[in-house]
C-alpha atoms as a PDB file:
ATOM      1  CA  MET A   1      42.928 -15.374   9.238  1.00  0.00           C
ATOM      2  CA  THR A   2      43.007 -15.282  13.107  1.00  0.00           C
ATOM      3  CA  SER A   3      40.233 -16.329  15.397  1.00  0.00           C
ATOM      4  CA  LEU A   4      39.725 -12.816  16.446  1.00  0.00           C
ATOM      5  CA  SER A   5      39.588 -11.445  12.964  1.00  0.00           C
ATOM      6  CA  ARG A   6      37.058 -14.261  11.988  1.00  0.00           C
ATOM      7  CA  ARG A   7      34.876 -13.209  14.860  1.00  0.00           C
ATOM      8  CA  GLN A   8      35.053  -9.602  13.859  1.00  0.00           C
ATOM      9  CA  LEU A   9      34.123 -10.472  10.335  1.00  0.00           C
ATOM     10  CA  VAL A  10      31.052 -12.509  11.480  1.00  0.00           C
ATOM     11  CA  LEU A  11      29.989  -9.681  13.808  1.00  0.00           C
ATOM     12  CA  ALA A  12      30.311  -7.137  11.075  1.00  0.00           C
ATOM     13  CA  ALA A  13      28.323  -9.212   8.603  1.00  0.00           C
ATOM     14  CA  THR A  14      25.563  -9.924  11.281  1.00  0.00           C
ATOM     15  CA  THR A  15      25.350  -6.193  12.229  1.00  0.00           C
ATOM     16  CA  ALA A  16      25.064  -5.316   8.450  1.00  0.00           C
ATOM     17  CA  ALA A  17      22.266  -7.957   7.915  1.00  0.00           C
ATOM     18  CA  VAL A  18      20.261  -6.638  10.909  1.00  0.00           C
ATOM     19  CA  ALA A  19      20.545  -3.079   9.807  1.00  0.00           C
ATOM     20  CA  ALA A  20      19.423  -4.077   6.339  1.00  0.00           C
ATOM     21  CA  ALA A  21      16.475  -5.958   7.666  1.00  0.00           C
ATOM     22  CA  ALA A  22      15.296  -3.194  10.134  1.00  0.00           C
ATOM     23  CA  PRO A  23      12.513  -0.822   8.967  1.00  0.00           C
ATOM     24  CA  ARG A  24      14.053   2.341   7.701  1.00  0.00           C
ATOM     25  CA  PHE A  25      12.413   5.585   8.461  1.00  0.00           C
ATOM     26  CA  VAL A  26      14.809   7.968   6.636  1.00  0.00           C
ATOM     27  CA  PHE A  27      18.474   8.028   5.507  1.00  0.00           C
ATOM     28  CA  ALA A  28      20.893   9.915   7.698  1.00  0.00           C
ATOM     29  CA  GLN A  29      21.916  12.401   5.006  1.00  0.00           C
ATOM     30  CA  ALA A  30      18.304  13.485   4.624  1.00  0.00           C
ATOM     31  CA  THR A  31      17.773  14.409   8.221  1.00  0.00           C
ATOM     32  CA  THR A  32      21.036  15.709   9.702  1.00  0.00           C
ATOM     33  CA  PRO A  33      21.210  19.464   9.922  1.00  0.00           C
ATOM     34  CA  SER A  34      24.356  21.471  10.547  1.00  0.00           C
ATOM     35  CA  ALA A  35      25.389  24.937  11.461  1.00  0.00           C
ATOM     36  CA  ALA A  36      26.186  25.584   7.767  1.00  0.00           C
ATOM     37  CA  ALA A  37      22.914  24.180   6.437  1.00  0.00           C
ATOM     38  CA  PRO A  38      20.008  26.056   8.112  1.00  0.00           C
ATOM     39  CA  PHE A  39      17.333  23.998   6.134  1.00  0.00           C
ATOM     40  CA  SER A  40      16.910  20.217   6.692  1.00  0.00           C
ATOM     41  CA  VAL A  41      14.452  17.588   5.688  1.00  0.00           C
ATOM     42  CA  PRO A  42      12.106  16.709   8.604  1.00  0.00           C
ATOM     43  CA  LEU A  43      12.073  13.163  10.038  1.00  0.00           C
ATOM     44  CA  LEU A  44       9.355  10.896   9.052  1.00  0.00           C
ATOM     45  CA  THR A  45       7.162   9.941  11.986  1.00  0.00           C
ATOM     46  CA  TYR A  46       6.294   6.581  10.497  1.00  0.00           C
ATOM     47  CA  PRO A  47       8.251   3.880   8.628  1.00  0.00           C
ATOM     48  CA  THR A  48       8.453   4.133   4.818  1.00  0.00           C
ATOM     49  CA  THR A  49       6.396   0.905   4.577  1.00  0.00           C
ATOM     50  CA  ALA A  50       3.416   2.507   6.419  1.00  0.00           C
ATOM     51  CA  PHE A  51       1.335   3.159   3.317  1.00  0.00           C
ATOM     52  CA  GLU A  52       1.643  -0.072   1.436  1.00  0.00           C
ATOM     53  CA  PRO A  53       0.019  -1.037  -0.873  1.00  0.00           C
ATOM     54  CA  HIS A  54      -1.154   2.573  -1.546  1.00  0.00           C
ATOM     55  CA  ILE A  55       2.279   4.014  -1.710  1.00  0.00           C
ATOM     56  CA  ASP A  56       5.215   1.511  -1.810  1.00  0.00           C
ATOM     57  CA  ALA A  57       8.264   1.755   0.506  1.00  0.00           C
ATOM     58  CA  LYS A  58      10.730   2.464  -2.347  1.00  0.00           C
ATOM     59  CA  THR A  59       8.776   5.347  -3.502  1.00  0.00           C
ATOM     60  CA  MET A  60       8.599   6.825  -0.015  1.00  0.00           C
ATOM     61  CA  GLU A  61      12.320   6.472   0.308  1.00  0.00           C
ATOM     62  CA  ILE A  62      13.109   8.082  -2.827  1.00  0.00           C
ATOM     63  CA  HIS A  63      10.641  10.783  -2.577  1.00  0.00           C
ATOM     64  CA  HIS A  64      11.691  11.688   0.959  1.00  0.00           C
ATOM     65  CA  ASP A  65      15.400  11.036   1.012  1.00  0.00           C
ATOM     66  CA  LYS A  66      16.256  11.993  -2.656  1.00  0.00           C
ATOM     67  CA  HIS A  67      13.643  14.454  -3.986  1.00  0.00           C
ATOM     68  CA  HIS A  68      12.938  16.371  -0.881  1.00  0.00           C
ATOM     69  CA  GLN A  69      16.664  16.328   0.076  1.00  0.00           C
ATOM     70  CA  ALA A  70      17.566  17.701  -3.290  1.00  0.00           C
ATOM     71  CA  TYR A  71      15.321  20.713  -2.863  1.00  0.00           C
ATOM     72  CA  VAL A  72      16.865  21.400   0.629  1.00  0.00           C
ATOM     73  CA  THR A  73      20.506  20.923  -0.638  1.00  0.00           C
ATOM     74  CA  ASN A  74      19.755  23.385  -3.429  1.00  0.00           C
ATOM     75  CA  LEU A  75      18.251  25.714  -0.992  1.00  0.00           C
ATOM     76  CA  ASN A  76      21.206  25.690   1.351  1.00  0.00           C
ATOM     77  CA  ASN A  77      23.525  26.404  -1.621  1.00  0.00           C
ATOM     78  CA  PHE A  78      21.398  29.509  -2.319  1.00  0.00           C
ATOM     79  CA  VAL A  79      21.777  30.627   1.387  1.00  0.00           C
ATOM     80  CA  LYS A  80      25.598  30.681   1.245  1.00  0.00           C
ATOM     81  CA  ASP A  81      25.417  33.826  -0.974  1.00  0.00           C
ATOM     82  CA  ASN A  82      22.094  35.065   0.247  1.00  0.00           C
ATOM     83  CA  PRO A  83      21.940  34.622   4.082  1.00  0.00           C
ATOM     84  CA  GLN A  84      18.814  36.633   4.284  1.00  0.00           C
ATOM     85  CA  ILE A  85      16.825  33.674   3.073  1.00  0.00           C
ATOM     86  CA  ALA A  86      17.542  31.760   6.326  1.00  0.00           C
ATOM     87  CA  ASP A  87      17.008  34.721   8.527  1.00  0.00           C
ATOM     88  CA  LYS A  88      13.203  35.052   7.898  1.00  0.00           C
ATOM     89  CA  PRO A  89      10.414  32.452   8.341  1.00  0.00           C
ATOM     90  CA  ILE A  90       9.772  30.395   5.304  1.00  0.00           C
ATOM     91  CA  THR A  91       6.311  32.070   4.922  1.00  0.00           C
ATOM     92  CA  ASP A  92       7.795  35.493   4.814  1.00  0.00           C
ATOM     93  CA  VAL A  93      10.272  34.511   2.063  1.00  0.00           C
ATOM     94  CA  LEU A  94       7.634  32.717  -0.092  1.00  0.00           C
ATOM     95  CA  VAL A  95       5.226  35.669   0.097  1.00  0.00           C
ATOM     96  CA  ASN A  96       7.865  38.196  -0.715  1.00  0.00           C
ATOM     97  CA  LEU A  97       9.751  36.409  -3.434  1.00  0.00           C
ATOM     98  CA  ALA A  98       9.781  39.600  -5.546  1.00  0.00           C
ATOM     99  CA  ASN A  99      12.200  41.096  -3.171  1.00  0.00           C
ATOM    100  CA  LEU A 100      14.761  38.586  -3.776  1.00  0.00           C
ATOM    101  CA  PRO A 101      17.607  39.153  -6.265  1.00  0.00           C
ATOM    102  CA  GLU A 102      16.568  38.118  -9.600  1.00  0.00           C
ATOM    103  CA  SER A 103      19.641  35.649  -9.871  1.00  0.00           C
ATOM    104  CA  VAL A 104      18.220  33.473  -7.192  1.00  0.00           C
ATOM    105  CA  ARG A 105      14.535  34.198  -7.265  1.00  0.00           C
ATOM    106  CA  THR A 106      13.447  31.332  -9.426  1.00  0.00           C
ATOM    107  CA  GLY A 107      15.671  28.876  -7.732  1.00  0.00           C
ATOM    108  CA  VAL A 108      14.339  29.960  -4.331  1.00  0.00           C
ATOM    109  CA  ARG A 109      10.807  29.806  -5.635  1.00  0.00           C
ATOM    110  CA  ASN A 110      11.248  26.146  -6.902  1.00  0.00           C
ATOM    111  CA  ASN A 111      13.300  24.798  -3.960  1.00  0.00           C
ATOM    112  CA  LEU A 112      11.935  26.664  -1.034  1.00  0.00           C
ATOM    113  CA  GLY A 113       8.430  25.939  -2.395  1.00  0.00           C
ATOM    114  CA  GLY A 114       9.325  22.344  -2.811  1.00  0.00           C
ATOM    115  CA  HIS A 115      10.600  22.215   0.822  1.00  0.00           C
ATOM    116  CA  ALA A 116       7.375  23.755   2.068  1.00  0.00           C
ATOM    117  CA  ASN A 117       5.118  21.527   0.004  1.00  0.00           C
ATOM    118  CA  HIS A 118       6.917  18.416   1.003  1.00  0.00           C
ATOM    119  CA  THR A 119       7.070  19.344   4.753  1.00  0.00           C
ATOM    120  CA  MET A 120       3.306  19.751   4.746  1.00  0.00           C
ATOM    121  CA  PHE A 121       2.974  16.552   2.657  1.00  0.00           C
ATOM    122  CA  TRP A 122       4.757  14.332   5.315  1.00  0.00           C
ATOM    123  CA  GLN A 123       2.832  16.053   8.122  1.00  0.00           C
ATOM    124  CA  ILE A 124      -0.669  15.408   6.810  1.00  0.00           C
ATOM    125  CA  MET A 125      -0.003  11.628   6.141  1.00  0.00           C
ATOM    126  CA  GLY A 126      -0.106   8.817   8.618  1.00  0.00           C
ATOM    127  CA  PRO A 127      -1.089   5.284   8.980  1.00  0.00           C
ATOM    128  CA  ASN A 128      -4.562   4.680  10.472  1.00  0.00           C
ATOM    129  CA  GLY A 129      -5.464   8.273   9.754  1.00  0.00           C
ATOM    130  CA  GLY A 130      -9.195   7.924  10.636  1.00  0.00           C
ATOM    131  CA  LYS A 131     -11.856  10.264   9.089  1.00  0.00           C
ATOM    132  CA  PRO A 132     -12.428  14.007   9.197  1.00  0.00           C
ATOM    133  CA  ASP A 133     -14.503  15.285  12.146  1.00  0.00           C
ATOM    134  CA  GLY A 134     -15.209  18.285  14.151  1.00  0.00           C
ATOM    135  CA  GLU A 135     -14.590  21.780  12.709  1.00  0.00           C
ATOM    136  CA  VAL A 136     -12.788  20.487   9.679  1.00  0.00           C
ATOM    137  CA  LEU A 137     -15.535  18.147   8.701  1.00  0.00           C
ATOM    138  CA  ALA A 138     -17.963  21.001   9.231  1.00  0.00           C
ATOM    139  CA  ALA A 139     -15.864  23.265   6.905  1.00  0.00           C
ATOM    140  CA  ILE A 140     -15.750  20.511   4.243  1.00  0.00           C
ATOM    141  CA  GLU A 141     -19.496  20.080   4.290  1.00  0.00           C
ATOM    142  CA  ARG A 142     -20.002  23.845   4.267  1.00  0.00           C
ATOM    143  CA  ASP A 143     -17.495  24.845   1.520  1.00  0.00           C
ATOM    144  CA  LEU A 144     -16.842  21.729  -0.423  1.00  0.00           C
ATOM    145  CA  GLY A 145     -20.210  19.827  -0.576  1.00  0.00           C
ATOM    146  CA  GLY A 146     -19.379  17.042   1.821  1.00  0.00           C
ATOM    147  CA  ILE A 147     -16.535  14.553   2.032  1.00  0.00           C
ATOM    148  CA  GLU A 148     -17.445  12.423  -1.088  1.00  0.00           C
ATOM    149  CA  LYS A 149     -17.962  15.405  -3.359  1.00  0.00           C
ATOM    150  CA  PHE A 150     -14.904  17.025  -2.064  1.00  0.00           C
ATOM    151  CA  GLN A 151     -12.690  13.909  -2.659  1.00  0.00           C
ATOM    152  CA  THR A 152     -14.250  13.523  -6.180  1.00  0.00           C
ATOM    153  CA  ASP A 153     -13.625  17.158  -7.091  1.00  0.00           C
ATOM    154  CA  PHE A 154     -10.121  17.092  -5.561  1.00  0.00           C
ATOM    155  CA  ASN A 155      -9.136  14.090  -7.461  1.00  0.00           C
ATOM    156  CA  ALA A 156     -10.562  15.580 -10.600  1.00  0.00           C
ATOM    157  CA  ALA A 157      -8.459  18.803 -10.073  1.00  0.00           C
ATOM    158  CA  GLY A 158      -5.269  16.728  -9.419  1.00  0.00           C
ATOM    159  CA  GLY A 159      -5.907  14.788 -12.567  1.00  0.00           C
ATOM    160  CA  ARG A 160      -6.183  18.027 -14.654  1.00  0.00           C
ATOM    161  CA  VAL A 161      -2.764  19.409 -13.546  1.00  0.00           C
ATOM    162  CA  PHE A 162      -0.753  19.347 -16.739  1.00  0.00           C
ATOM    163  CA  GLY A 163       2.801  17.955 -16.209  1.00  0.00           C
ATOM    164  CA  SER A 164       3.984  18.313 -12.636  1.00  0.00           C
ATOM    165  CA  GLY A 165       2.391  20.211  -9.775  1.00  0.00           C
ATOM    166  CA  TRP A 166       0.201  19.989  -6.651  1.00  0.00           C
ATOM    167  CA  VAL A 167      -3.462  19.908  -5.788  1.00  0.00           C
ATOM    168  CA  PHE A 168      -4.339  21.716  -2.544  1.00  0.00           C
ATOM    169  CA  VAL A 169      -7.146  22.571  -0.197  1.00  0.00           C
ATOM    170  CA  THR A 170      -6.445  26.116   0.659  1.00  0.00           C
ATOM    171  CA  VAL A 171      -7.658  27.609   3.898  1.00  0.00           C
ATOM    172  CA  THR A 172      -8.134  31.324   4.834  1.00  0.00           C
ATOM    173  CA  LYS A 173      -7.956  32.723   8.376  1.00  0.00           C
ATOM    174  CA  ASP A 174     -11.614  32.694   8.689  1.00  0.00           C
ATOM    175  CA  GLY A 175     -11.667  29.074   7.978  1.00  0.00           C
ATOM    176  CA  LYS A 176     -13.012  29.050   4.468  1.00  0.00           C
ATOM    177  CA  LEU A 177     -11.778  26.012   2.147  1.00  0.00           C
ATOM    178  CA  ALA A 178     -11.278  25.899  -1.560  1.00  0.00           C
ATOM    179  CA  ILE A 179      -9.694  23.394  -3.949  1.00  0.00           C
ATOM    180  CA  GLU A 180      -6.787  24.893  -5.931  1.00  0.00           C
ATOM    181  CA  THR A 181      -3.949  23.609  -7.901  1.00  0.00           C
ATOM    182  CA  ARG A 182      -0.417  25.006  -8.481  1.00  0.00           C
ATOM    183  CA  PRO A 183       2.343  24.269 -11.109  1.00  0.00           C
ATOM    184  CA  ASN A 184       5.663  22.887 -10.339  1.00  0.00           C
ATOM    185  CA  GLN A 185       6.511  23.509  -6.585  1.00  0.00           C
ATOM    186  CA  ASP A 186       4.490  26.659  -6.166  1.00  0.00           C
ATOM    187  CA  ASN A 187       2.794  26.927  -2.751  1.00  0.00           C
ATOM    188  CA  PRO A 188      -0.384  28.802  -1.845  1.00  0.00           C
ATOM    189  CA  ILE A 189       1.679  30.888   0.525  1.00  0.00           C
ATOM    190  CA  MET A 190       3.055  32.751  -2.481  1.00  0.00           C
ATOM    191  CA  ASP A 191      -0.470  34.045  -2.985  1.00  0.00           C
ATOM    192  CA  GLY A 192      -0.984  35.007   0.630  1.00  0.00           C
ATOM    193  CA  LYS A 193      -2.947  31.786   1.312  1.00  0.00           C
ATOM    194  CA  ARG A 194      -2.243  28.489   3.325  1.00  0.00           C
ATOM    195  CA  ALA A 195      -2.375  24.912   2.371  1.00  0.00           C
ATOM    196  CA  LEU A 196      -4.749  22.802   4.670  1.00  0.00           C
ATOM    197  CA  LEU A 197      -3.599  19.747   2.868  1.00  0.00           C
ATOM    198  CA  GLY A 198      -2.132  18.920  -0.495  1.00  0.00           C
ATOM    199  CA  ASN A 199      -1.285  16.024  -2.778  1.00  0.00           C
ATOM    200  CA  ASP A 200       1.888  15.856  -4.928  1.00  0.00           C
ATOM    201  CA  VAL A 201       1.039  14.937  -8.494  1.00  0.00           C
ATOM    202  CA  TRP A 202       4.609  14.871  -9.808  1.00  0.00           C
ATOM    203  CA  GLU A 203       5.340  11.448 -11.250  1.00  0.00           C
ATOM    204  CA  HIS A 204       8.053  10.732  -8.679  1.00  0.00           C
ATOM    205  CA  ALA A 205       5.279  10.600  -6.029  1.00  0.00           C
ATOM    206  CA  TYR A 206       3.608   7.551  -7.628  1.00  0.00           C
ATOM    207  CA  TYR A 207       5.143   6.192 -10.792  1.00  0.00           C
ATOM    208  CA  LEU A 208       6.881   3.037  -9.403  1.00  0.00           C
ATOM    209  CA  THR A 209       3.331   1.552  -8.445  1.00  0.00           C
ATOM    210  CA  TYR A 210       0.956   3.488 -10.797  1.00  0.00           C
ATOM    211  CA  GLN A 211       3.050   4.386 -13.913  1.00  0.00           C
ATOM    212  CA  ASN A 212       0.822   6.747 -15.905  1.00  0.00           C
ATOM    213  CA  ARG A 213      -2.315   5.960 -13.892  1.00  0.00           C
ATOM    214  CA  ARG A 214      -2.433   9.197 -11.908  1.00  0.00           C
ATOM    215  CA  PRO A 215      -6.229   8.969 -11.271  1.00  0.00           C
ATOM    216  CA  ASP A 216      -5.599   5.632  -9.403  1.00  0.00           C
ATOM    217  CA  TYR A 217      -2.868   7.185  -7.298  1.00  0.00           C
ATOM    218  CA  LEU A 218      -5.134  10.098  -6.420  1.00  0.00           C
ATOM    219  CA  LYS A 219      -7.927   7.802  -5.239  1.00  0.00           C
ATOM    220  CA  ALA A 220      -5.480   5.541  -3.321  1.00  0.00           C
ATOM    221  CA  TRP A 221      -3.753   8.474  -1.630  1.00  0.00           C
ATOM    222  CA  TRP A 222      -6.747   9.213   0.680  1.00  0.00           C
ATOM    223  CA  ASN A 223      -5.824   6.031   2.502  1.00  0.00           C
ATOM    224  CA  THR A 224      -2.729   7.808   3.759  1.00  0.00           C
ATOM    225  CA  VAL A 225      -4.318  11.046   5.078  1.00  0.00           C
ATOM    226  CA  ASN A 226      -3.986  11.670   8.856  1.00  0.00           C
ATOM    227  CA  TRP A 227      -7.089  13.590   9.509  1.00  0.00           C
ATOM    228  CA  LYS A 228      -6.100  14.401  13.056  1.00  0.00           C
ATOM    229  CA  ALA A 229      -3.134  16.346  11.652  1.00  0.00           C
ATOM    230  CA  VAL A 230      -5.327  17.947   9.111  1.00  0.00           C
ATOM    231  CA  GLY A 231      -7.690  19.121  11.906  1.00  0.00           C
ATOM    232  CA  GLU A 232      -4.866  20.576  13.864  1.00  0.00           C
ATOM    233  CA  ARG A 233      -3.764  22.493  10.750  1.00  0.00           C
ATOM    234  CA  TYR A 234      -7.199  23.841  10.462  1.00  0.00           C
ATOM    235  CA  ALA A 235      -7.247  25.069  14.004  1.00  0.00           C
ATOM    236  CA  ALA A 236      -3.843  26.646  13.459  1.00  0.00           C
ATOM    237  CA  ALA A 237      -4.968  28.362  10.214  1.00  0.00           C
ATOM    238  CA  LYS A 238      -7.929  29.897  12.051  1.00  0.00           C
ATOM    239  CA  ALA A 239      -5.583  30.953  14.812  1.00  0.00           C
ATOM    240  CA  GLY A 240      -3.193  32.525  12.393  1.00  0.00           C
ATOM    241  CA  THR A 241      -0.353  30.330  13.541  1.00  0.00           C
ATOM    242  CA  LEU A 242      -0.225  27.935  10.556  1.00  0.00           C
ATOM    243  CA  GLY A 243       3.243  27.889   9.015  1.00  0.00           C
ATOM    244  CA  VAL A 244       4.001  25.702   5.928  1.00  0.00           C
END
């Protein structure tokens, strides 16, 4: 081996080691859109380690880079033969699922619903998320009995979801809140509502750390909520500008 090739080998090994040690936000394949792929997984705005010990980094990586990416990949495959799916806002497609060809309706429901749910999920999470305040706190106190009762009722609703699904706080345009659940990847948009926040109770969201202890996960998840983002979603809902 020449001196040059040895130096190249050492450089390559060092570069690989640094890359492996650096905090990973997302994998490239999960975030790179292309002209042929109108839907893409949004970048995380925090490292995958941000929520430890409440949610472990490996779960975050798998959840974001594998599960969410799978919904988006499937969705982009549906678009190839049904370009109208990508021509409209996600909210319009979800509220008008009955207008889609029957051959793709269930697939779009599951995968576009999954994309919408997870996009919201990553958005309303963040380290050092603070506490609810302002209008959103007032709404929680008015409609949900205060923060402690709200979290207790929300956790109980999430615990009652049979199999896989989501627990949401839905919000109307006049700012009224309610706790609701949906099976699988259904989204409140499908019923003409909006999700203020929601927690994923599919096992892939928590199993590595909590196994079958979903109630423990539901309680711990509140440590990951970014209440500033939730407040912004509440304001957008009242203004009629909240998307997914």
